[in-house]
Amino acid sequence: MADKIILCLCLDITEHDLDRAIEEGFTDAETLKRYTAGFMGPCQGKSCMDTILERLAHKTGVDPESLRRPTLRPPAHPVRLGLLAGLGGSDAS
């Protein structure tokens, strides 16, 4: 598709994907994040947040500065309880 515009390179989220989500009612950054998984790739939104928020603002007719940025959390991985208790050992499975 020659006119495919990718807004999130990590998760291959296109402008069309984002527009469809907004049309379905996901019109704030937090719900848009949960629906599309935008901001949740390896970059944690560092490369796509501004672009996605600008598109959201354009489609909803609001000022981009008025949009609340979604909560970003680092990726999690399991840790053995013994390691947390100070019993030593490795956290590798």
PDB file of N, CA and C in Angstrom:
ATOM      1  N   MET A   1       0.856  -1.173   0.000  1.00  0.00           N
ATOM      2  CA  MET A   1       0.000   0.000   0.000  1.00  0.00           C
ATOM      3  C   MET A   1       0.902   1.236   0.000  1.00  0.00           C
ATOM      4  N   ALA A   2       0.894   1.969  -1.068  1.00  0.00           N
ATOM      5  CA  ALA A   2       1.810   3.099  -1.250  1.00  0.00           C
ATOM      6  C   ALA A   2       1.491   4.276  -0.328  1.00  0.00           C
ATOM      7  N   ASP A   3       0.246   4.438   0.057  1.00  0.00           N
ATOM      8  CA  ASP A   3      -0.119   5.590   0.876  1.00  0.00           C
ATOM      9  C   ASP A   3      -0.203   5.257   2.364  1.00  0.00           C
ATOM     10  N   LYS A   4       0.371   4.151   2.773  1.00  0.00           N
ATOM     11  CA  LYS A   4       0.376   3.747   4.178  1.00  0.00           C
ATOM     12  C   LYS A   4       1.330   4.646   4.956  1.00  0.00           C
ATOM     13  N   ILE A   5       0.794   5.340   5.948  1.00  0.00           N
ATOM     14  CA  ILE A   5       1.603   6.229   6.786  1.00  0.00           C
ATOM     15  C   ILE A   5       1.699   5.614   8.172  1.00  0.00           C
ATOM     16  N   ILE A   6       2.908   5.246   8.565  1.00  0.00           N
ATOM     17  CA  ILE A   6       3.119   4.602   9.864  1.00  0.00           C
ATOM     18  C   ILE A   6       3.445   5.677  10.891  1.00  0.00           C
ATOM     19  N   LEU A   7       2.661   5.695  11.971  1.00  0.00           N
ATOM     20  CA  LEU A   7       2.874   6.663  13.045  1.00  0.00           C
ATOM     21  C   LEU A   7       3.712   6.081  14.183  1.00  0.00           C
ATOM     22  N   CYS A   8       3.599   4.783  14.399  1.00  0.00           N
ATOM     23  CA  CYS A   8       4.381   4.104  15.440  1.00  0.00           C
ATOM     24  C   CYS A   8       5.200   3.015  14.759  1.00  0.00           C
ATOM     25  N   LEU A   9       6.493   3.241  14.655  1.00  0.00           N
ATOM     26  CA  LEU A   9       7.360   2.285  13.972  1.00  0.00           C
ATOM     27  C   LEU A   9       7.530   0.996  14.765  1.00  0.00           C
ATOM     28  N   CYS A  10       7.502   1.082  16.080  1.00  0.00           N
ATOM     29  CA  CYS A  10       7.692  -0.115  16.910  1.00  0.00           C
ATOM     30  C   CYS A  10       6.582  -1.137  16.696  1.00  0.00           C
ATOM     31  N   LEU A  11       5.350  -0.663  16.637  1.00  0.00           N
ATOM     32  CA  LEU A  11       4.197  -1.564  16.569  1.00  0.00           C
ATOM     33  C   LEU A  11       3.453  -1.494  15.240  1.00  0.00           C
ATOM     34  N   ASP A  12       4.006  -0.763  14.279  1.00  0.00           N
ATOM     35  CA  ASP A  12       3.422  -0.670  12.937  1.00  0.00           C
ATOM     36  C   ASP A  12       1.980  -0.143  12.975  1.00  0.00           C
ATOM     37  N   ILE A  13       1.742   0.874  13.792  1.00  0.00           N
ATOM     38  CA  ILE A  13       0.421   1.488  13.876  1.00  0.00           C
ATOM     39  C   ILE A  13       0.360   2.571  12.809  1.00  0.00           C
ATOM     40  N   THR A  14      -0.628   2.449  11.941  1.00  0.00           N
ATOM     41  CA  THR A  14      -0.746   3.383  10.825  1.00  0.00           C
ATOM     42  C   THR A  14      -1.691   4.528  11.153  1.00  0.00           C
ATOM     43  N   GLU A  15      -1.635   5.542  10.310  1.00  0.00           N
ATOM     44  CA  GLU A  15      -2.553   6.667  10.440  1.00  0.00           C
ATOM     45  C   GLU A  15      -3.998   6.167  10.314  1.00  0.00           C
ATOM     46  N   HIS A  16      -4.216   5.212   9.417  1.00  0.00           N
ATOM     47  CA  HIS A  16      -5.552   4.638   9.244  1.00  0.00           C
ATOM     48  C   HIS A  16      -6.020   3.938  10.528  1.00  0.00           C
ATOM     49  N   ASP A  17      -5.139   3.176  11.172  1.00  0.00           N
ATOM     50  CA  ASP A  17      -5.486   2.498  12.431  1.00  0.00           C
ATOM     51  C   ASP A  17      -5.909   3.514  13.489  1.00  0.00           C
ATOM     52  N   LEU A  18      -5.142   4.564  13.595  1.00  0.00           N
ATOM     53  CA  LEU A  18      -5.419   5.602  14.587  1.00  0.00           C
ATOM     54  C   LEU A  18      -6.734   6.320  14.284  1.00  0.00           C
ATOM     55  N   ASP A  19      -6.935   6.679  13.024  1.00  0.00           N
ATOM     56  CA  ASP A  19      -8.177   7.362  12.627  1.00  0.00           C
ATOM     57  C   ASP A  19      -9.393   6.492  12.910  1.00  0.00           C
ATOM     58  N   ARG A  20      -9.279   5.193  12.625  1.00  0.00           N
ATOM     59  CA  ARG A  20     -10.399   4.280  12.875  1.00  0.00           C
ATOM     60  C   ARG A  20     -10.704   4.203  14.375  1.00  0.00           C
ATOM     61  N   ALA A  21      -9.675   4.142  15.203  1.00  0.00           N
ATOM     62  CA  ALA A  21      -9.875   4.089  16.654  1.00  0.00           C
ATOM     63  C   ALA A  21     -10.556   5.361  17.157  1.00  0.00           C
ATOM     64  N   ILE A  22     -10.137   6.504  16.640  1.00  0.00           N
ATOM     65  CA  ILE A  22     -10.742   7.776  17.042  1.00  0.00           C
ATOM     66  C   ILE A  22     -12.203   7.826  16.612  1.00  0.00           C
ATOM     67  N   GLU A  23     -12.496   7.341  15.402  1.00  0.00           N
ATOM     68  CA  GLU A  23     -13.881   7.302  14.922  1.00  0.00           C
ATOM     69  C   GLU A  23     -14.747   6.376  15.768  1.00  0.00           C
ATOM     70  N   GLU A  24     -14.134   5.350  16.364  1.00  0.00           N
ATOM     71  CA  GLU A  24     -14.870   4.419  17.220  1.00  0.00           C
ATOM     72  C   GLU A  24     -15.064   4.959  18.638  1.00  0.00           C
ATOM     73  N   GLY A  25     -14.520   6.154  18.914  1.00  0.00           N
ATOM     74  CA  GLY A  25     -14.778   6.794  20.196  1.00  0.00           C
ATOM     75  C   GLY A  25     -13.613   6.851  21.159  1.00  0.00           C
ATOM     76  N   PHE A  26     -12.453   6.370  20.774  1.00  0.00           N
ATOM     77  CA  PHE A  26     -11.271   6.418  21.640  1.00  0.00           C
ATOM     78  C   PHE A  26     -10.587   7.759  21.414  1.00  0.00           C
ATOM     79  N   THR A  27     -11.099   8.779  22.115  1.00  0.00           N
ATOM     80  CA  THR A  27     -10.693  10.153  21.815  1.00  0.00           C
ATOM     81  C   THR A  27      -9.834  10.817  22.884  1.00  0.00           C
ATOM     82  N   ASP A  28      -9.351  10.056  23.854  1.00  0.00           N
ATOM     83  CA  ASP A  28      -8.348  10.617  24.757  1.00  0.00           C
ATOM     84  C   ASP A  28      -7.134   9.699  24.713  1.00  0.00           C
ATOM     85  N   ALA A  29      -5.985  10.240  25.040  1.00  0.00           N
ATOM     86  CA  ALA A  29      -4.726   9.521  24.845  1.00  0.00           C
ATOM     87  C   ALA A  29      -4.663   8.208  25.624  1.00  0.00           C
ATOM     88  N   GLU A  30      -5.205   8.176  26.821  1.00  0.00           N
ATOM     89  CA  GLU A  30      -5.129   6.961  27.638  1.00  0.00           C
ATOM     90  C   GLU A  30      -5.937   5.815  27.035  1.00  0.00           C
ATOM     91  N   THR A  31      -7.174   6.078  26.623  1.00  0.00           N
ATOM     92  CA  THR A  31      -7.972   5.007  26.018  1.00  0.00           C
ATOM     93  C   THR A  31      -7.445   4.646  24.633  1.00  0.00           C
ATOM     94  N   LEU A  32      -6.926   5.615  23.916  1.00  0.00           N
ATOM     95  CA  LEU A  32      -6.327   5.349  22.612  1.00  0.00           C
ATOM     96  C   LEU A  32      -5.113   4.434  22.778  1.00  0.00           C
ATOM     97  N   LYS A  33      -4.343   4.676  23.808  1.00  0.00           N
ATOM     98  CA  LYS A  33      -3.182   3.823  24.115  1.00  0.00           C
ATOM     99  C   LYS A  33      -3.632   2.389  24.378  1.00  0.00           C
ATOM    100  N   ARG A  34      -4.655   2.234  25.175  1.00  0.00           N
ATOM    101  CA  ARG A  34      -5.125   0.895  25.527  1.00  0.00           C
ATOM    102  C   ARG A  34      -5.733   0.164  24.334  1.00  0.00           C
ATOM    103  N   TYR A  35      -6.373   0.888  23.440  1.00  0.00           N
ATOM    104  CA  TYR A  35      -7.024   0.270  22.280  1.00  0.00           C
ATOM    105  C   TYR A  35      -6.027  -0.074  21.177  1.00  0.00           C
ATOM    106  N   THR A  36      -5.078   0.824  20.906  1.00  0.00           N
ATOM    107  CA  THR A  36      -4.161   0.621  19.787  1.00  0.00           C
ATOM    108  C   THR A  36      -2.803   0.070  20.207  1.00  0.00           C
ATOM    109  N   ALA A  37      -2.468   0.135  21.475  1.00  0.00           N
ATOM    110  CA  ALA A  37      -1.159  -0.222  22.025  1.00  0.00           C
ATOM    111  C   ALA A  37      -0.087   0.795  21.649  1.00  0.00           C
ATOM    112  N   GLY A  38      -0.504   1.941  21.114  1.00  0.00           N
ATOM    113  CA  GLY A  38       0.450   3.011  20.854  1.00  0.00           C
ATOM    114  C   GLY A  38       1.120   3.426  22.152  1.00  0.00           C
ATOM    115  N   PHE A  39       2.327   3.869  22.088  1.00  0.00           N
ATOM    116  CA  PHE A  39       3.157   4.267  23.226  1.00  0.00           C
ATOM    117  C   PHE A  39       3.647   3.074  24.037  1.00  0.00           C
ATOM    118  N   MET A  40       3.334   1.846  23.614  1.00  0.00           N
ATOM    119  CA  MET A  40       3.663   0.677  24.420  1.00  0.00           C
ATOM    120  C   MET A  40       4.727  -0.214  23.785  1.00  0.00           C
ATOM    121  N   GLY A  41       5.322   0.225  22.700  1.00  0.00           N
ATOM    122  CA  GLY A  41       6.372  -0.549  22.048  1.00  0.00           C
ATOM    123  C   GLY A  41       7.696  -0.396  22.775  1.00  0.00           C
ATOM    124  N   PRO A  42       8.745  -0.934  22.209  1.00  0.00           N
ATOM    125  CA  PRO A  42      10.062  -0.848  22.846  1.00  0.00           C
ATOM    126  C   PRO A  42      10.509   0.585  23.145  1.00  0.00           C
ATOM    127  N   CYS A  43      10.082   1.559  22.358  1.00  0.00           N
ATOM    128  CA  CYS A  43      10.518   2.949  22.613  1.00  0.00           C
ATOM    129  C   CYS A  43       9.694   3.608  23.718  1.00  0.00           C
ATOM    130  N   GLN A  44       8.603   2.947  24.151  1.00  0.00           N
ATOM    131  CA  GLN A  44       7.728   3.480  25.196  1.00  0.00           C
ATOM    132  C   GLN A  44       7.208   4.883  24.864  1.00  0.00           C
ATOM    133  N   GLY A  45       6.931   5.123  23.584  1.00  0.00           N
ATOM    134  CA  GLY A  45       6.356   6.390  23.160  1.00  0.00           C
ATOM    135  C   GLY A  45       7.353   7.486  22.859  1.00  0.00           C
ATOM    136  N   LYS A  46       8.620   7.225  23.051  1.00  0.00           N
ATOM    137  CA  LYS A  46       9.625   8.275  22.824  1.00  0.00           C
ATOM    138  C   LYS A  46       9.686   8.727  21.364  1.00  0.00           C
ATOM    139  N   SER A  47       9.417   7.817  20.425  1.00  0.00           N
ATOM    140  CA  SER A  47       9.491   8.205  19.014  1.00  0.00           C
ATOM    141  C   SER A  47       8.132   8.489  18.390  1.00  0.00           C
ATOM    142  N   CYS A  48       7.042   8.076  19.019  1.00  0.00           N
ATOM    143  CA  CYS A  48       5.732   8.236  18.381  1.00  0.00           C
ATOM    144  C   CYS A  48       4.748   9.115  19.145  1.00  0.00           C
ATOM    145  N   MET A  49       5.019   9.435  20.401  1.00  0.00           N
ATOM    146  CA  MET A  49       4.023  10.134  21.213  1.00  0.00           C
ATOM    147  C   MET A  49       3.583  11.454  20.597  1.00  0.00           C
ATOM    148  N   ASP A  50       4.513  12.293  20.217  1.00  0.00           N
ATOM    149  CA  ASP A  50       4.142  13.595  19.666  1.00  0.00           C
ATOM    150  C   ASP A  50       3.331  13.459  18.382  1.00  0.00           C
ATOM    151  N   THR A  51       3.732  12.529  17.527  1.00  0.00           N
ATOM    152  CA  THR A  51       3.027  12.320  16.260  1.00  0.00           C
ATOM    153  C   THR A  51       1.605  11.827  16.501  1.00  0.00           C
ATOM    154  N   ILE A  52       1.450  10.861  17.387  1.00  0.00           N
ATOM    155  CA  ILE A  52       0.119  10.326  17.677  1.00  0.00           C
ATOM    156  C   ILE A  52      -0.761  11.383  18.334  1.00  0.00           C
ATOM    157  N   LEU A  53      -0.212  12.123  19.281  1.00  0.00           N
ATOM    158  CA  LEU A  53      -1.005  13.162  19.946  1.00  0.00           C
ATOM    159  C   LEU A  53      -1.388  14.282  18.979  1.00  0.00           C
ATOM    160  N   GLU A  54      -0.496  14.626  18.058  1.00  0.00           N
ATOM    161  CA  GLU A  54      -0.840  15.638  17.052  1.00  0.00           C
ATOM    162  C   GLU A  54      -1.975  15.149  16.162  1.00  0.00           C
ATOM    163  N   ARG A  55      -1.942  13.873  15.773  1.00  0.00           N
ATOM    164  CA  ARG A  55      -3.017  13.315  14.938  1.00  0.00           C
ATOM    165  C   ARG A  55      -4.322  13.289  15.721  1.00  0.00           C
ATOM    166  N   LEU A  56      -4.274  12.897  16.978  1.00  0.00           N
ATOM    167  CA  LEU A  56      -5.466  12.877  17.831  1.00  0.00           C
ATOM    168  C   LEU A  56      -6.056  14.277  17.953  1.00  0.00           C
ATOM    169  N   ALA A  57      -5.215  15.259  18.182  1.00  0.00           N
ATOM    170  CA  ALA A  57      -5.684  16.645  18.301  1.00  0.00           C
ATOM    171  C   ALA A  57      -6.314  17.120  16.993  1.00  0.00           C
ATOM    172  N   HIS A  58      -5.679  16.810  15.885  1.00  0.00           N
ATOM    173  CA  HIS A  58      -6.204  17.216  14.572  1.00  0.00           C
ATOM    174  C   HIS A  58      -7.581  16.598  14.310  1.00  0.00           C
ATOM    175  N   LYS A  59      -7.715  15.299  14.598  1.00  0.00           N
ATOM    176  CA  LYS A  59      -8.978  14.595  14.323  1.00  0.00           C
ATOM    177  C   LYS A  59     -10.098  15.003  15.278  1.00  0.00           C
ATOM    178  N   THR A  60      -9.760  15.429  16.494  1.00  0.00           N
ATOM    179  CA  THR A  60     -10.794  15.794  17.465  1.00  0.00           C
ATOM    180  C   THR A  60     -11.006  17.298  17.561  1.00  0.00           C
ATOM    181  N   GLY A  61     -10.146  18.074  16.895  1.00  0.00           N
ATOM    182  CA  GLY A  61     -10.309  19.525  16.890  1.00  0.00           C
ATOM    183  C   GLY A  61      -9.903  20.209  18.174  1.00  0.00           C
ATOM    184  N   VAL A  62      -8.975  19.627  18.907  1.00  0.00           N
ATOM    185  CA  VAL A  62      -8.508  20.255  20.144  1.00  0.00           C
ATOM    186  C   VAL A  62      -7.061  20.703  19.983  1.00  0.00           C
ATOM    187  N   ASP A  63      -6.621  21.548  20.896  1.00  0.00           N
ATOM    188  CA  ASP A  63      -5.242  22.017  20.900  1.00  0.00           C
ATOM    189  C   ASP A  63      -4.345  20.881  21.384  1.00  0.00           C
ATOM    190  N   PRO A  64      -3.273  20.542  20.644  1.00  0.00           N
ATOM    191  CA  PRO A  64      -2.393  19.448  21.074  1.00  0.00           C
ATOM    192  C   PRO A  64      -1.824  19.644  22.480  1.00  0.00           C
ATOM    193  N   GLU A  65      -1.597  20.888  22.879  1.00  0.00           N
ATOM    194  CA  GLU A  65      -1.046  21.162  24.205  1.00  0.00           C
ATOM    195  C   GLU A  65      -2.044  20.841  25.320  1.00  0.00           C
ATOM    196  N   SER A  66      -3.340  20.779  24.986  1.00  0.00           N
ATOM    197  CA  SER A  66      -4.344  20.508  26.006  1.00  0.00           C
ATOM    198  C   SER A  66      -4.525  19.016  26.272  1.00  0.00           C
ATOM    199  N   LEU A  67      -3.948  18.177  25.424  1.00  0.00           N
ATOM    200  CA  LEU A  67      -4.093  16.741  25.613  1.00  0.00           C
ATOM    201  C   LEU A  67      -3.212  16.258  26.753  1.00  0.00           C
ATOM    202  N   ARG A  68      -3.793  15.444  27.597  1.00  0.00           N
ATOM    203  CA  ARG A  68      -3.038  14.844  28.705  1.00  0.00           C
ATOM    204  C   ARG A  68      -2.238  13.673  28.154  1.00  0.00           C
ATOM    205  N   ARG A  69      -0.953  13.673  28.430  1.00  0.00           N
ATOM    206  CA  ARG A  69      -0.095  12.590  27.951  1.00  0.00           C
ATOM    207  C   ARG A  69      -0.402  11.329  28.760  1.00  0.00           C
ATOM    208  N   PRO A  70      -0.415  10.182  28.096  1.00  0.00           N
ATOM    209  CA  PRO A  70      -0.738   8.946  28.820  1.00  0.00           C
ATOM    210  C   PRO A  70       0.370   8.548  29.788  1.00  0.00           C
ATOM    211  N   THR A  71      -0.013   7.744  30.775  1.00  0.00           N
ATOM    212  CA  THR A  71       0.934   7.227  31.742  1.00  0.00           C
ATOM    213  C   THR A  71       1.824   6.202  31.052  1.00  0.00           C
ATOM    214  N   LEU A  72       3.114   6.374  31.180  1.00  0.00           N
ATOM    215  CA  LEU A  72       4.064   5.429  30.598  1.00  0.00           C
ATOM    216  C   LEU A  72       4.749   4.659  31.712  1.00  0.00           C
ATOM    217  N   ARG A  73       4.834   3.357  31.517  1.00  0.00           N
ATOM    218  CA  ARG A  73       5.477   2.504  32.512  1.00  0.00           C
ATOM    219  C   ARG A  73       6.520   1.650  31.798  1.00  0.00           C
ATOM    220  N   PRO A  74       7.641   1.384  32.456  1.00  0.00           N
ATOM    221  CA  PRO A  74       8.647   0.539  31.812  1.00  0.00           C
ATOM    222  C   PRO A  74       8.119  -0.885  31.667  1.00  0.00           C
ATOM    223  N   PRO A  75       8.600  -1.619  30.667  1.00  0.00           N
ATOM    224  CA  PRO A  75       8.189  -3.024  30.536  1.00  0.00           C
ATOM    225  C   PRO A  75       8.573  -3.802  31.789  1.00  0.00           C
ATOM    226  N   ALA A  76       7.750  -4.748  32.168  1.00  0.00           N
ATOM    227  CA  ALA A  76       7.999  -5.545  33.372  1.00  0.00           C
ATOM    228  C   ALA A  76       8.437  -6.953  32.985  1.00  0.00           C
ATOM    229  N   HIS A  77       9.176  -7.569  33.857  1.00  0.00           N
ATOM    230  CA  HIS A  77       9.531  -8.979  33.677  1.00  0.00           C
ATOM    231  C   HIS A  77       9.480  -9.645  35.043  1.00  0.00           C
ATOM    232  N   PRO A  78       9.206 -10.943  35.076  1.00  0.00           N
ATOM    233  CA  PRO A  78       9.061 -11.636  36.355  1.00  0.00           C
ATOM    234  C   PRO A  78      10.372 -11.684  37.136  1.00  0.00           C
ATOM    235  N   VAL A  79      10.243 -11.603  38.450  1.00  0.00           N
ATOM    236  CA  VAL A  79      11.386 -11.700  39.361  1.00  0.00           C
ATOM    237  C   VAL A  79      11.017 -12.723  40.441  1.00  0.00           C
ATOM    238  N   ARG A  80      11.933 -13.621  40.738  1.00  0.00           N
ATOM    239  CA  ARG A  80      11.671 -14.632  41.778  1.00  0.00           C
ATOM    240  C   ARG A  80      11.565 -13.957  43.149  1.00  0.00           C
ATOM    241  N   LEU A  81      10.627 -14.424  43.960  1.00  0.00           N
ATOM    242  CA  LEU A  81      10.413 -13.844  45.282  1.00  0.00           C
ATOM    243  C   LEU A  81      11.644 -13.982  46.168  1.00  0.00           C
ATOM    244  N   GLY A  82      12.393 -15.059  46.015  1.00  0.00           N
ATOM    245  CA  GLY A  82      13.611 -15.251  46.806  1.00  0.00           C
ATOM    246  C   GLY A  82      14.619 -14.134  46.573  1.00  0.00           C
ATOM    247  N   LEU A  83      14.698 -13.647  45.355  1.00  0.00           N
ATOM    248  CA  LEU A  83      15.600 -12.541  45.043  1.00  0.00           C
ATOM    249  C   LEU A  83      15.148 -11.271  45.754  1.00  0.00           C
ATOM    250  N   LEU A  84      13.835 -11.034  45.755  1.00  0.00           N
ATOM    251  CA  LEU A  84      13.299  -9.864  46.448  1.00  0.00           C
ATOM    252  C   LEU A  84      13.492  -9.974  47.962  1.00  0.00           C
ATOM    253  N   ALA A  85      13.463 -11.196  48.479  1.00  0.00           N
ATOM    254  CA  ALA A  85      13.614 -11.412  49.929  1.00  0.00           C
ATOM    255  C   ALA A  85      15.080 -11.365  50.350  1.00  0.00           C
ATOM    256  N   GLY A  86      15.983 -11.220  49.391  1.00  0.00           N
ATOM    257  CA  GLY A  86      17.395 -11.137  49.723  1.00  0.00           C
ATOM    258  C   GLY A  86      18.043 -12.492  49.922  1.00  0.00           C
ATOM    259  N   LEU A  87      17.440 -13.548  49.393  1.00  0.00           N
ATOM    260  CA  LEU A  87      17.987 -14.887  49.562  1.00  0.00           C
ATOM    261  C   LEU A  87      19.021 -15.221  48.482  1.00  0.00           C
ATOM    262  N   GLY A  88      19.330 -14.243  47.648  1.00  0.00           N
ATOM    263  CA  GLY A  88      20.333 -14.443  46.594  1.00  0.00           C
ATOM    264  C   GLY A  88      19.767 -15.211  45.428  1.00  0.00           C
ATOM    265  N   GLY A  89      20.648 -15.665  44.612  1.00  0.00           N
ATOM    266  CA  GLY A  89      20.214 -16.413  43.434  1.00  0.00           C
ATOM    267  C   GLY A  89      20.021 -15.490  42.247  1.00  0.00           C
ATOM    268  N   SER A  90      19.649 -16.089  41.175  1.00  0.00           N
ATOM    269  CA  SER A  90      19.463 -15.360  39.925  1.00  0.00           C
ATOM    270  C   SER A  90      17.983 -15.154  39.658  1.00  0.00           C
ATOM    271  N   ASP A  91      17.663 -14.085  38.953  1.00  0.00           N
ATOM    272  CA  ASP A  91      16.264 -13.866  38.582  1.00  0.00           C
ATOM    273  C   ASP A  91      15.945 -14.526  37.248  1.00  0.00           C
ATOM    274  N   ALA A  92      16.886 -15.232  36.667  1.00  0.00           N
ATOM    275  CA  ALA A  92      16.653 -15.915  35.404  1.00  0.00           C
ATOM    276  C   ALA A  92      15.814 -17.156  35.649  1.00  0.00           C
ATOM    277  N   SER A  93      14.946 -17.465  34.725  1.00  0.00           N
ATOM    278  CA  SER A  93      14.072 -18.663  34.863  1.00  0.00           C
ATOM    279  C   SER A  93      14.808 -19.923  34.499  1.00  0.00           C
TER     280      SER A  93
END
